[in-house]
Amino acid sequence: HYKNLQVGFSKTTSIVFPYAIKSIDKGSADVLVQKAKTVENIL
């Protein structure tokens, strides 16, 4: 049902969305998440 992502400690994963990101919610503080600078659709 959901996309399973493998996330690392020393590498950054980029997700490209077709439209601008309006809201982000992460389930744990053990993960760092932010929008790319000057870009609205890359996480």
PDB file of all heavy atoms in Angstrom:
ATOM      1  N   HIS A   1       0.794  -1.220   0.000  1.00  0.00           N
ATOM      2  CA  HIS A   1       0.000   0.000   0.000  1.00  0.00           C
ATOM      3  C   HIS A   1       0.835   1.282   0.000  1.00  0.00           C
ATOM      4  O   HIS A   1       0.357   2.315  -0.458  1.00  0.00           O
ATOM      5  CB  HIS A   1      -0.934   0.007   1.218  1.00  0.00           C
ATOM      6  CG  HIS A   1      -2.055  -0.978   1.113  1.00  0.00           C
ATOM      7  ND1 HIS A   1      -1.871  -2.340   1.248  1.00  0.00           N
ATOM      8  CD2 HIS A   1      -3.378  -0.798   0.865  1.00  0.00           C
ATOM      9  CE1 HIS A   1      -3.032  -2.952   1.109  1.00  0.00           C
ATOM     10  NE2 HIS A   1      -3.959  -2.057   0.874  1.00  0.00           N
ATOM     11  N   TYR A   2       2.048   1.238   0.499  1.00  0.00           N
ATOM     12  CA  TYR A   2       2.856   2.443   0.613  1.00  0.00           C
ATOM     13  C   TYR A   2       4.259   2.230   0.062  1.00  0.00           C
ATOM     14  O   TYR A   2       4.753   1.109   0.035  1.00  0.00           O
ATOM     15  CB  TYR A   2       2.946   2.885   2.083  1.00  0.00           C
ATOM     16  CG  TYR A   2       1.609   3.027   2.748  1.00  0.00           C
ATOM     17  CD1 TYR A   2       1.247   2.188   3.803  1.00  0.00           C
ATOM     18  CD2 TYR A   2       0.687   3.973   2.321  1.00  0.00           C
ATOM     19  CE1 TYR A   2       0.007   2.303   4.421  1.00  0.00           C
ATOM     20  CE2 TYR A   2      -0.544   4.096   2.921  1.00  0.00           C
ATOM     21  CZ  TYR A   2      -0.883   3.260   3.965  1.00  0.00           C
ATOM     22  OH  TYR A   2      -2.103   3.381   4.549  1.00  0.00           O
ATOM     23  N   LYS A   3       4.875   3.323  -0.360  1.00  0.00           N
ATOM     24  CA  LYS A   3       6.244   3.259  -0.858  1.00  0.00           C
ATOM     25  C   LYS A   3       7.204   3.051   0.302  1.00  0.00           C
ATOM     26  O   LYS A   3       7.191   3.794   1.272  1.00  0.00           O
ATOM     27  CB  LYS A   3       6.585   4.558  -1.593  1.00  0.00           C
ATOM     28  CG  LYS A   3       8.018   4.661  -2.067  1.00  0.00           C
ATOM     29  CD  LYS A   3       8.346   3.626  -3.137  1.00  0.00           C
ATOM     30  CE  LYS A   3       9.772   3.799  -3.640  1.00  0.00           C
ATOM     31  NZ  LYS A   3      10.117   2.787  -4.644  1.00  0.00           N
ATOM     32  N   ASN A   4       8.026   2.014   0.204  1.00  0.00           N
ATOM     33  CA  ASN A   4       8.990   1.679   1.250  1.00  0.00           C
ATOM     34  C   ASN A   4      10.338   2.301   0.890  1.00  0.00           C
ATOM     35  O   ASN A   4      10.955   1.919  -0.104  1.00  0.00           O
ATOM     36  CB  ASN A   4       9.108   0.158   1.356  1.00  0.00           C
ATOM     37  CG  ASN A   4       9.715  -0.270   2.681  1.00  0.00           C
ATOM     38  OD1 ASN A   4      10.663   0.334   3.145  1.00  0.00           O
ATOM     39  ND2 ASN A   4       9.152  -1.313   3.270  1.00  0.00           N
ATOM     40  N   LEU A   5      10.810   3.269   1.681  1.00  0.00           N
ATOM     41  CA  LEU A   5      12.061   3.968   1.411  1.00  0.00           C
ATOM     42  C   LEU A   5      13.165   3.518   2.357  1.00  0.00           C
ATOM     43  O   LEU A   5      12.935   3.352   3.547  1.00  0.00           O
ATOM     44  CB  LEU A   5      11.879   5.486   1.561  1.00  0.00           C
ATOM     45  CG  LEU A   5      11.073   6.223   0.495  1.00  0.00           C
ATOM     46  CD1 LEU A   5      11.125   7.713   0.758  1.00  0.00           C
ATOM     47  CD2 LEU A   5      11.595   5.914  -0.882  1.00  0.00           C
ATOM     48  N   GLN A   6      14.366   3.353   1.803  1.00  0.00           N
ATOM     49  CA  GLN A   6      15.545   3.017   2.595  1.00  0.00           C
ATOM     50  C   GLN A   6      16.335   4.313   2.816  1.00  0.00           C
ATOM     51  O   GLN A   6      16.786   4.939   1.859  1.00  0.00           O
ATOM     52  CB  GLN A   6      16.417   1.998   1.870  1.00  0.00           C
ATOM     53  CG  GLN A   6      15.658   0.768   1.383  1.00  0.00           C
ATOM     54  CD  GLN A   6      15.082  -0.031   2.527  1.00  0.00           C
ATOM     55  OE1 GLN A   6      15.747  -0.230   3.546  1.00  0.00           O
ATOM     56  NE2 GLN A   6      13.856  -0.504   2.368  1.00  0.00           N
ATOM     57  N   VAL A   7      16.492   4.718   4.078  1.00  0.00           N
ATOM     58  CA  VAL A   7      17.113   6.003   4.415  1.00  0.00           C
ATOM     59  C   VAL A   7      18.415   5.752   5.168  1.00  0.00           C
ATOM     60  O   VAL A   7      18.468   4.917   6.075  1.00  0.00           O
ATOM     61  CB  VAL A   7      16.154   6.864   5.265  1.00  0.00           C
ATOM     62  CG1 VAL A   7      16.793   8.205   5.605  1.00  0.00           C
ATOM     63  CG2 VAL A   7      14.840   7.073   4.520  1.00  0.00           C
ATOM     64  N   GLY A   8      19.466   6.513   4.818  1.00  0.00           N
ATOM     65  CA  GLY A   8      20.760   6.351   5.449  1.00  0.00           C
ATOM     66  C   GLY A   8      21.135   7.517   6.353  1.00  0.00           C
ATOM     67  O   GLY A   8      20.491   8.566   6.343  1.00  0.00           O
ATOM     68  N   PHE A   9      22.205   7.332   7.133  1.00  0.00           N
ATOM     69  CA  PHE A   9      22.685   8.346   8.074  1.00  0.00           C
ATOM     70  C   PHE A   9      23.667   9.315   7.409  1.00  0.00           C
ATOM     71  O   PHE A   9      23.683  10.506   7.696  1.00  0.00           O
ATOM     72  CB  PHE A   9      23.359   7.668   9.273  1.00  0.00           C
ATOM     73  CG  PHE A   9      23.880   8.626  10.300  1.00  0.00           C
ATOM     74  CD1 PHE A   9      23.024   9.268  11.185  1.00  0.00           C
ATOM     75  CD2 PHE A   9      25.251   8.885  10.383  1.00  0.00           C
ATOM     76  CE1 PHE A   9      23.513  10.158  12.130  1.00  0.00           C
ATOM     77  CE2 PHE A   9      25.755   9.763  11.336  1.00  0.00           C
ATOM     78  CZ  PHE A   9      24.881  10.403  12.205  1.00  0.00           C
ATOM     79  N   SER A  10      24.475   8.818   6.502  1.00  0.00           N
ATOM     80  CA  SER A  10      25.509   9.648   5.872  1.00  0.00           C
ATOM     81  C   SER A  10      25.165  10.045   4.436  1.00  0.00           C
ATOM     82  O   SER A  10      25.962  10.660   3.757  1.00  0.00           O
ATOM     83  CB  SER A  10      26.854   8.909   5.877  1.00  0.00           C
ATOM     84  OG  SER A  10      26.742   7.667   5.207  1.00  0.00           O
ATOM     85  N   LYS A  11      23.967   9.684   3.975  1.00  0.00           N
ATOM     86  CA  LYS A  11      23.520  10.040   2.622  1.00  0.00           C
ATOM     87  C   LYS A  11      22.131  10.669   2.686  1.00  0.00           C
ATOM     88  O   LYS A  11      21.352  10.389   3.593  1.00  0.00           O
ATOM     89  CB  LYS A  11      23.495   8.802   1.722  1.00  0.00           C
ATOM     90  CG  LYS A  11      24.854   8.149   1.532  1.00  0.00           C
ATOM     91  CD  LYS A  11      24.732   6.893   0.686  1.00  0.00           C
ATOM     92  CE  LYS A  11      26.073   6.202   0.539  1.00  0.00           C
ATOM     93  NZ  LYS A  11      25.968   4.943  -0.246  1.00  0.00           N
ATOM     94  N   THR A  12      21.829  11.512   1.711  1.00  0.00           N
ATOM     95  CA  THR A  12      20.543  12.201   1.654  1.00  0.00           C
ATOM     96  C   THR A  12      19.711  11.654   0.501  1.00  0.00           C
ATOM     97  O   THR A  12      20.208  11.517  -0.618  1.00  0.00           O
ATOM     98  CB  THR A  12      20.729  13.716   1.468  1.00  0.00           C
ATOM     99  OG1 THR A  12      21.480  14.234   2.566  1.00  0.00           O
ATOM    100  CG2 THR A  12      19.387  14.426   1.396  1.00  0.00           C
ATOM    101  N   THR A  13      18.462  11.347   0.784  1.00  0.00           N
ATOM    102  CA  THR A  13      17.527  10.886  -0.237  1.00  0.00           C
ATOM    103  C   THR A  13      16.658  12.053  -0.699  1.00  0.00           C
ATOM    104  O   THR A  13      16.147  12.818   0.122  1.00  0.00           O
ATOM    105  CB  THR A  13      16.629   9.765   0.315  1.00  0.00           C
ATOM    106  OG1 THR A  13      17.446   8.645   0.658  1.00  0.00           O
ATOM    107  CG2 THR A  13      15.590   9.335  -0.711  1.00  0.00           C
ATOM    108  N   SER A  14      16.468  12.188  -2.016  1.00  0.00           N
ATOM    109  CA  SER A  14      15.643  13.256  -2.588  1.00  0.00           C
ATOM    110  C   SER A  14      14.373  12.657  -3.186  1.00  0.00           C
ATOM    111  O   SER A  14      14.440  11.684  -3.935  1.00  0.00           O
ATOM    112  CB  SER A  14      16.406  14.008  -3.676  1.00  0.00           C
ATOM    113  OG  SER A  14      17.608  14.562  -3.168  1.00  0.00           O
ATOM    114  N   ILE A  15      13.222  13.253  -2.831  1.00  0.00           N
ATOM    115  CA  ILE A  15      11.945  12.855  -3.425  1.00  0.00           C
ATOM    116  C   ILE A  15      11.430  14.027  -4.248  1.00  0.00           C
ATOM    117  O   ILE A  15      11.264  15.135  -3.736  1.00  0.00           O
ATOM    118  CB  ILE A  15      10.900  12.470  -2.371  1.00  0.00           C
ATOM    119  CG1 ILE A  15      11.445  11.408  -1.417  1.00  0.00           C
ATOM    120  CG2 ILE A  15       9.627  11.960  -3.043  1.00  0.00           C
ATOM    121  CD1 ILE A  15      10.476  11.028  -0.314  1.00  0.00           C
ATOM    122  N   VAL A  16      11.172  13.781  -5.529  1.00  0.00           N
ATOM    123  CA  VAL A  16      10.684  14.822  -6.433  1.00  0.00           C
ATOM    124  C   VAL A  16       9.182  14.642  -6.622  1.00  0.00           C
ATOM    125  O   VAL A  16       8.726  13.601  -7.107  1.00  0.00           O
ATOM    126  CB  VAL A  16      11.399  14.760  -7.792  1.00  0.00           C
ATOM    127  CG1 VAL A  16      10.906  15.886  -8.696  1.00  0.00           C
ATOM    128  CG2 VAL A  16      12.907  14.854  -7.601  1.00  0.00           C
ATOM    129  N   PHE A  17       8.405  15.648  -6.232  1.00  0.00           N
ATOM    130  CA  PHE A  17       6.945  15.609  -6.356  1.00  0.00           C
ATOM    131  C   PHE A  17       6.516  16.378  -7.611  1.00  0.00           C
ATOM    132  O   PHE A  17       7.199  17.321  -8.026  1.00  0.00           O
ATOM    133  CB  PHE A  17       6.289  16.208  -5.114  1.00  0.00           C
ATOM    134  CG  PHE A  17       6.489  15.404  -3.865  1.00  0.00           C
ATOM    135  CD1 PHE A  17       7.600  15.604  -3.059  1.00  0.00           C
ATOM    136  CD2 PHE A  17       5.567  14.437  -3.499  1.00  0.00           C
ATOM    137  CE1 PHE A  17       7.797  14.857  -1.915  1.00  0.00           C
ATOM    138  CE2 PHE A  17       5.748  13.677  -2.351  1.00  0.00           C
ATOM    139  CZ  PHE A  17       6.869  13.881  -1.563  1.00  0.00           C
ATOM    140  N   PRO A  18       5.380  16.011  -8.203  1.00  0.00           N
ATOM    141  CA  PRO A  18       4.932  16.712  -9.412  1.00  0.00           C
ATOM    142  C   PRO A  18       4.431  18.129  -9.140  1.00  0.00           C
ATOM    143  O   PRO A  18       4.375  18.942 -10.059  1.00  0.00           O
ATOM    144  CB  PRO A  18       3.805  15.812  -9.945  1.00  0.00           C
ATOM    145  CG  PRO A  18       3.339  15.044  -8.756  1.00  0.00           C
ATOM    146  CD  PRO A  18       4.530  14.849  -7.887  1.00  0.00           C
ATOM    147  N   TYR A  19       4.061  18.426  -7.883  1.00  0.00           N
ATOM    148  CA  TYR A  19       3.568  19.757  -7.517  1.00  0.00           C
ATOM    149  C   TYR A  19       4.251  20.221  -6.233  1.00  0.00           C
ATOM    150  O   TYR A  19       4.929  19.446  -5.557  1.00  0.00           O
ATOM    151  CB  TYR A  19       2.044  19.744  -7.330  1.00  0.00           C
ATOM    152  CG  TYR A  19       1.268  19.674  -8.627  1.00  0.00           C
ATOM    153  CD1 TYR A  19       1.023  18.447  -9.244  1.00  0.00           C
ATOM    154  CD2 TYR A  19       0.786  20.826  -9.240  1.00  0.00           C
ATOM    155  CE1 TYR A  19       0.326  18.371 -10.437  1.00  0.00           C
ATOM    156  CE2 TYR A  19       0.084  20.755 -10.432  1.00  0.00           C
ATOM    157  CZ  TYR A  19      -0.142  19.534 -11.025  1.00  0.00           C
ATOM    158  OH  TYR A  19      -0.835  19.462 -12.203  1.00  0.00           O
ATOM    159  N   ALA A  20       4.045  21.479  -5.908  1.00  0.00           N
ATOM    160  CA  ALA A  20       4.667  22.069  -4.724  1.00  0.00           C
ATOM    161  C   ALA A  20       4.192  21.359  -3.450  1.00  0.00           C
ATOM    162  O   ALA A  20       3.038  20.938  -3.342  1.00  0.00           O
ATOM    163  CB  ALA A  20       4.338  23.555  -4.637  1.00  0.00           C
ATOM    164  N   ILE A  21       5.098  21.250  -2.490  1.00  0.00           N
ATOM    165  CA  ILE A  21       4.790  20.606  -1.208  1.00  0.00           C
ATOM    166  C   ILE A  21       4.102  21.610  -0.297  1.00  0.00           C
ATOM    167  O   ILE A  21       4.592  22.716  -0.082  1.00  0.00           O
ATOM    168  CB  ILE A  21       6.085  20.110  -0.544  1.00  0.00           C
ATOM    169  CG1 ILE A  21       6.774  19.067  -1.431  1.00  0.00           C
ATOM    170  CG2 ILE A  21       5.803  19.523   0.838  1.00  0.00           C
ATOM    171  CD1 ILE A  21       8.206  18.777  -1.036  1.00  0.00           C
ATOM    172  N   LYS A  22       2.949  21.221   0.251  1.00  0.00           N
ATOM    173  CA  LYS A  22       2.201  22.107   1.133  1.00  0.00           C
ATOM    174  C   LYS A  22       2.302  21.712   2.602  1.00  0.00           C
ATOM    175  O   LYS A  22       2.215  22.552   3.480  1.00  0.00           O
ATOM    176  CB  LYS A  22       0.717  22.127   0.709  1.00  0.00           C
ATOM    177  CG  LYS A  22       0.451  22.853  -0.589  1.00  0.00           C
ATOM    178  CD  LYS A  22       0.754  24.327  -0.455  1.00  0.00           C
ATOM    179  CE  LYS A  22       0.392  25.089  -1.712  1.00  0.00           C
ATOM    180  NZ  LYS A  22       0.732  26.522  -1.609  1.00  0.00           N
ATOM    181  N   SER A  23       2.476  20.422   2.889  1.00  0.00           N
ATOM    182  CA  SER A  23       2.498  19.963   4.273  1.00  0.00           C
ATOM    183  C   SER A  23       3.394  18.730   4.394  1.00  0.00           C
ATOM    184  O   SER A  23       3.405  17.876   3.512  1.00  0.00           O
ATOM    185  CB  SER A  23       1.079  19.643   4.745  1.00  0.00           C
ATOM    186  OG  SER A  23       1.084  19.075   6.043  1.00  0.00           O
ATOM    187  N   ILE A  24       4.160  18.661   5.508  1.00  0.00           N
ATOM    188  CA  ILE A  24       5.042  17.523   5.780  1.00  0.00           C
ATOM    189  C   ILE A  24       4.835  17.073   7.226  1.00  0.00           C
ATOM    190  O   ILE A  24       4.790  17.909   8.131  1.00  0.00           O
ATOM    191  CB  ILE A  24       6.531  17.901   5.591  1.00  0.00           C
ATOM    192  CG1 ILE A  24       6.784  18.498   4.201  1.00  0.00           C
ATOM    193  CG2 ILE A  24       7.429  16.692   5.815  1.00  0.00           C
ATOM    194  CD1 ILE A  24       8.136  19.158   4.086  1.00  0.00           C
ATOM    195  N   ASP A  25       4.710  15.768   7.442  1.00  0.00           N
ATOM    196  CA  ASP A  25       4.626  15.241   8.796  1.00  0.00           C
ATOM    197  C   ASP A  25       5.443  13.951   8.865  1.00  0.00           C
ATOM    198  O   ASP A  25       5.221  13.019   8.097  1.00  0.00           O
ATOM    199  CB  ASP A  25       3.169  14.955   9.189  1.00  0.00           C
ATOM    200  CG  ASP A  25       3.073  14.462  10.625  1.00  0.00           C
ATOM    201  OD1 ASP A  25       3.152  15.289  11.537  1.00  0.00           O
ATOM    202  OD2 ASP A  25       2.939  13.230  10.820  1.00  0.00           O
ATOM    203  N   LYS A  26       6.409  13.912   9.786  1.00  0.00           N
ATOM    204  CA  LYS A  26       7.225  12.706   9.962  1.00  0.00           C
ATOM    205  C   LYS A  26       6.817  12.021  11.259  1.00  0.00           C
ATOM    206  O   LYS A  26       6.458  12.665  12.241  1.00  0.00           O
ATOM    207  CB  LYS A  26       8.709  13.056   9.969  1.00  0.00           C
ATOM    208  CG  LYS A  26       9.118  14.061  11.032  1.00  0.00           C
ATOM    209  CD  LYS A  26      10.600  14.380  10.943  1.00  0.00           C
ATOM    210  CE  LYS A  26      11.002  15.351  12.058  1.00  0.00           C
ATOM    211  NZ  LYS A  26      12.439  15.636  12.060  1.00  0.00           N
ATOM    212  N   GLY A  27       6.897  10.687  11.266  1.00  0.00           N
ATOM    213  CA  GLY A  27       6.442   9.937  12.417  1.00  0.00           C
ATOM    214  C   GLY A  27       7.444   9.857  13.555  1.00  0.00           C
ATOM    215  O   GLY A  27       7.096   9.419  14.648  1.00  0.00           O
ATOM    216  N   SER A  28       8.695  10.282  13.320  1.00  0.00           N
ATOM    217  CA  SER A  28       9.725  10.148  14.342  1.00  0.00           C
ATOM    218  C   SER A  28      10.751  11.265  14.217  1.00  0.00           C
ATOM    219  O   SER A  28      11.070  11.707  13.109  1.00  0.00           O
ATOM    220  CB  SER A  28      10.419   8.786  14.222  1.00  0.00           C
ATOM    221  OG  SER A  28      11.565   8.723  15.049  1.00  0.00           O
ATOM    222  N   ALA A  29      11.297  11.684  15.364  1.00  0.00           N
ATOM    223  CA  ALA A  29      12.374  12.679  15.376  1.00  0.00           C
ATOM    224  C   ALA A  29      13.699  12.073  14.950  1.00  0.00           C
ATOM    225  O   ALA A  29      14.694  12.796  14.796  1.00  0.00           O
ATOM    226  CB  ALA A  29      12.503  13.294  16.774  1.00  0.00           C
ATOM    227  N   ASP A  30      13.742  10.765  14.730  1.00  0.00           N
ATOM    228  CA  ASP A  30      14.965  10.095  14.301  1.00  0.00           C
ATOM    229  C   ASP A  30      15.250  10.314  12.822  1.00  0.00           C
ATOM    230  O   ASP A  30      16.266   9.852  12.301  1.00  0.00           O
ATOM    231  CB  ASP A  30      14.869   8.587  14.569  1.00  0.00           C
ATOM    232  CG  ASP A  30      14.781   8.292  16.063  1.00  0.00           C
ATOM    233  OD1 ASP A  30      15.196   9.151  16.863  1.00  0.00           O
ATOM    234  OD2 ASP A  30      14.298   7.197  16.422  1.00  0.00           O
ATOM    235  N   VAL A  31      14.322  11.018  12.135  1.00  0.00           N
ATOM    236  CA  VAL A  31      14.473  11.283  10.704  1.00  0.00           C
ATOM    237  C   VAL A  31      14.477  12.795  10.488  1.00  0.00           C
ATOM    238  O   VAL A  31      13.662  13.516  11.076  1.00  0.00           O
ATOM    239  CB  VAL A  31      13.329  10.638   9.895  1.00  0.00           C
ATOM    240  CG1 VAL A  31      13.455  10.970   8.420  1.00  0.00           C
ATOM    241  CG2 VAL A  31      13.319   9.132  10.103  1.00  0.00           C
ATOM    242  N   LEU A  32      15.394  13.277   9.643  1.00  0.00           N
ATOM    243  CA  LEU A  32      15.466  14.700   9.295  1.00  0.00           C
ATOM    244  C   LEU A  32      14.822  14.917   7.934  1.00  0.00           C
ATOM    245  O   LEU A  32      15.142  14.204   6.966  1.00  0.00           O
ATOM    246  CB  LEU A  32      16.920  15.165   9.261  1.00  0.00           C
ATOM    247  CG  LEU A  32      17.730  14.999  10.549  1.00  0.00           C
ATOM    248  CD1 LEU A  32      19.179  15.411  10.321  1.00  0.00           C
ATOM    249  CD2 LEU A  32      17.113  15.819  11.683  1.00  0.00           C
ATOM    250  N   VAL A  33      13.930  15.903   7.855  1.00  0.00           N
ATOM    251  CA  VAL A  33      13.198  16.167   6.617  1.00  0.00           C
ATOM    252  C   VAL A  33      13.134  17.671   6.384  1.00  0.00           C
ATOM    253  O   VAL A  33      12.833  18.437   7.311  1.00  0.00           O
ATOM    254  CB  VAL A  33      11.755  15.604   6.691  1.00  0.00           C
ATOM    255  CG1 VAL A  33      10.995  15.920   5.424  1.00  0.00           C
ATOM    256  CG2 VAL A  33      11.781  14.108   6.934  1.00  0.00           C
ATOM    257  N   GLN A  34      13.400  18.106   5.152  1.00  0.00           N
ATOM    258  CA  GLN A  34      13.226  19.513   4.812  1.00  0.00           C
ATOM    259  C   GLN A  34      13.103  19.670   3.304  1.00  0.00           C
ATOM    260  O   GLN A  34      13.571  18.827   2.533  1.00  0.00           O
ATOM    261  CB  GLN A  34      14.404  20.361   5.310  1.00  0.00           C
ATOM    262  CG  GLN A  34      15.712  20.140   4.556  1.00  0.00           C
ATOM    263  CD  GLN A  34      16.805  21.100   4.986  1.00  0.00           C
ATOM    264  OE1 GLN A  34      16.834  21.553   6.117  1.00  0.00           O
ATOM    265  NE2 GLN A  34      17.707  21.406   4.076  1.00  0.00           N
ATOM    266  N   LYS A  35      12.450  20.770   2.883  1.00  0.00           N
ATOM    267  CA  LYS A  35      12.362  21.075   1.466  1.00  0.00           C
ATOM    268  C   LYS A  35      13.708  21.597   0.975  1.00  0.00           C
ATOM    269  O   LYS A  35      14.414  22.288   1.707  1.00  0.00           O
ATOM    270  CB  LYS A  35      11.262  22.106   1.197  1.00  0.00           C
ATOM    271  CG  LYS A  35       9.858  21.558   1.339  1.00  0.00           C
ATOM    272  CD  LYS A  35       8.815  22.449   0.677  1.00  0.00           C
ATOM    273  CE  LYS A  35       8.672  23.771   1.382  1.00  0.00           C
ATOM    274  NZ  LYS A  35       7.581  24.583   0.791  1.00  0.00           N
ATOM    275  N   ALA A  36      14.041  21.297  -0.273  1.00  0.00           N
ATOM    276  CA  ALA A  36      15.270  21.819  -0.859  1.00  0.00           C
ATOM    277  C   ALA A  36      15.172  23.342  -0.990  1.00  0.00           C
ATOM    278  O   ALA A  36      14.100  23.889  -1.254  1.00  0.00           O
ATOM    279  CB  ALA A  36      15.508  21.190  -2.231  1.00  0.00           C
ATOM    280  N   LYS A  37      16.278  24.028  -0.783  1.00  0.00           N
ATOM    281  CA  LYS A  37      16.288  25.484  -0.831  1.00  0.00           C
ATOM    282  C   LYS A  37      15.911  25.988  -2.220  1.00  0.00           C
ATOM    283  O   LYS A  37      16.370  25.471  -3.231  1.00  0.00           O
ATOM    284  CB  LYS A  37      17.668  26.012  -0.443  1.00  0.00           C
ATOM    285  CG  LYS A  37      18.026  25.782   1.023  1.00  0.00           C
ATOM    286  CD  LYS A  37      19.381  26.371   1.354  1.00  0.00           C
ATOM    287  CE  LYS A  37      19.727  26.165   2.829  1.00  0.00           C
ATOM    288  NZ  LYS A  37      21.062  26.713   3.178  1.00  0.00           N
ATOM    289  N   THR A  38      15.066  27.027  -2.235  1.00  0.00           N
ATOM    290  CA  THR A  38      14.586  27.719  -3.450  1.00  0.00           C
ATOM    291  C   THR A  38      13.755  26.824  -4.364  1.00  0.00           C
ATOM    292  O   THR A  38      13.423  27.210  -5.480  1.00  0.00           O
ATOM    293  CB  THR A  38      15.751  28.333  -4.258  1.00  0.00           C
ATOM    294  OG1 THR A  38      16.509  27.285  -4.888  1.00  0.00           O
ATOM    295  CG2 THR A  38      16.657  29.176  -3.379  1.00  0.00           C
ATOM    296  N   VAL A  39      13.415  25.617  -3.895  1.00  0.00           N
ATOM    297  CA  VAL A  39      12.604  24.694  -4.692  1.00  0.00           C
ATOM    298  C   VAL A  39      11.405  24.263  -3.862  1.00  0.00           C
ATOM    299  O   VAL A  39      11.536  23.976  -2.681  1.00  0.00           O
ATOM    300  CB  VAL A  39      13.422  23.452  -5.121  1.00  0.00           C
ATOM    301  CG1 VAL A  39      12.568  22.510  -5.952  1.00  0.00           C
ATOM    302  CG2 VAL A  39      14.659  23.870  -5.906  1.00  0.00           C
ATOM    303  N   GLU A  40      10.232  24.188  -4.492  1.00  0.00           N
ATOM    304  CA  GLU A  40       8.997  23.891  -3.758  1.00  0.00           C
ATOM    305  C   GLU A  40       8.564  22.436  -3.844  1.00  0.00           C
ATOM    306  O   GLU A  40       7.706  22.006  -3.075  1.00  0.00           O
ATOM    307  CB  GLU A  40       7.861  24.784  -4.279  1.00  0.00           C
ATOM    308  CG  GLU A  40       8.029  26.261  -3.979  1.00  0.00           C
ATOM    309  CD  GLU A  40       8.001  26.550  -2.481  1.00  0.00           C
ATOM    310  OE1 GLU A  40       7.208  25.917  -1.772  1.00  0.00           O
ATOM    311  OE2 GLU A  40       8.775  27.401  -2.032  1.00  0.00           O
ATOM    312  N   ASN A  41       9.144  21.655  -4.745  1.00  0.00           N
ATOM    313  CA  ASN A  41       8.619  20.295  -4.959  1.00  0.00           C
ATOM    314  C   ASN A  41       9.632  19.191  -4.702  1.00  0.00           C
ATOM    315  O   ASN A  41       9.414  18.050  -5.101  1.00  0.00           O
ATOM    316  CB  ASN A  41       8.086  20.174  -6.391  1.00  0.00           C
ATOM    317  CG  ASN A  41       9.200  20.234  -7.428  1.00  0.00           C
ATOM    318  OD1 ASN A  41      10.119  21.034  -7.309  1.00  0.00           O
ATOM    319  ND2 ASN A  41       9.113  19.391  -8.444  1.00  0.00           N
ATOM    320  N   ILE A  42      10.751  19.506  -4.060  1.00  0.00           N
ATOM    321  CA  ILE A  42      11.754  18.482  -3.758  1.00  0.00           C
ATOM    322  C   ILE A  42      11.952  18.393  -2.249  1.00  0.00           C
ATOM    323  O   ILE A  42      12.188  19.405  -1.578  1.00  0.00           O
ATOM    324  CB  ILE A  42      13.105  18.788  -4.442  1.00  0.00           C
ATOM    325  CG1 ILE A  42      12.929  18.777  -5.970  1.00  0.00           C
ATOM    326  CG2 ILE A  42      14.165  17.767  -4.022  1.00  0.00           C
ATOM    327  CD1 ILE A  42      14.197  19.082  -6.728  1.00  0.00           C
ATOM    328  N   LEU A  43      11.852  17.173  -1.727  1.00  0.00           N
ATOM    329  CA  LEU A  43      11.990  16.924  -0.304  1.00  0.00           C
ATOM    330  C   LEU A  43      13.274  16.139  -0.047  1.00  0.00           C
ATOM    331  O   LEU A  43      13.565  15.153  -0.734  1.00  0.00           O
ATOM    332  CB  LEU A  43      10.789  16.128   0.207  1.00  0.00           C
ATOM    333  CG  LEU A  43      10.614  16.048   1.729  1.00  0.00           C
ATOM    334  CD1 LEU A  43      10.335  17.424   2.304  1.00  0.00           C
ATOM    335  CD2 LEU A  43       9.480  15.090   2.080  1.00  0.00           C
TER     336      LEU A  43
END
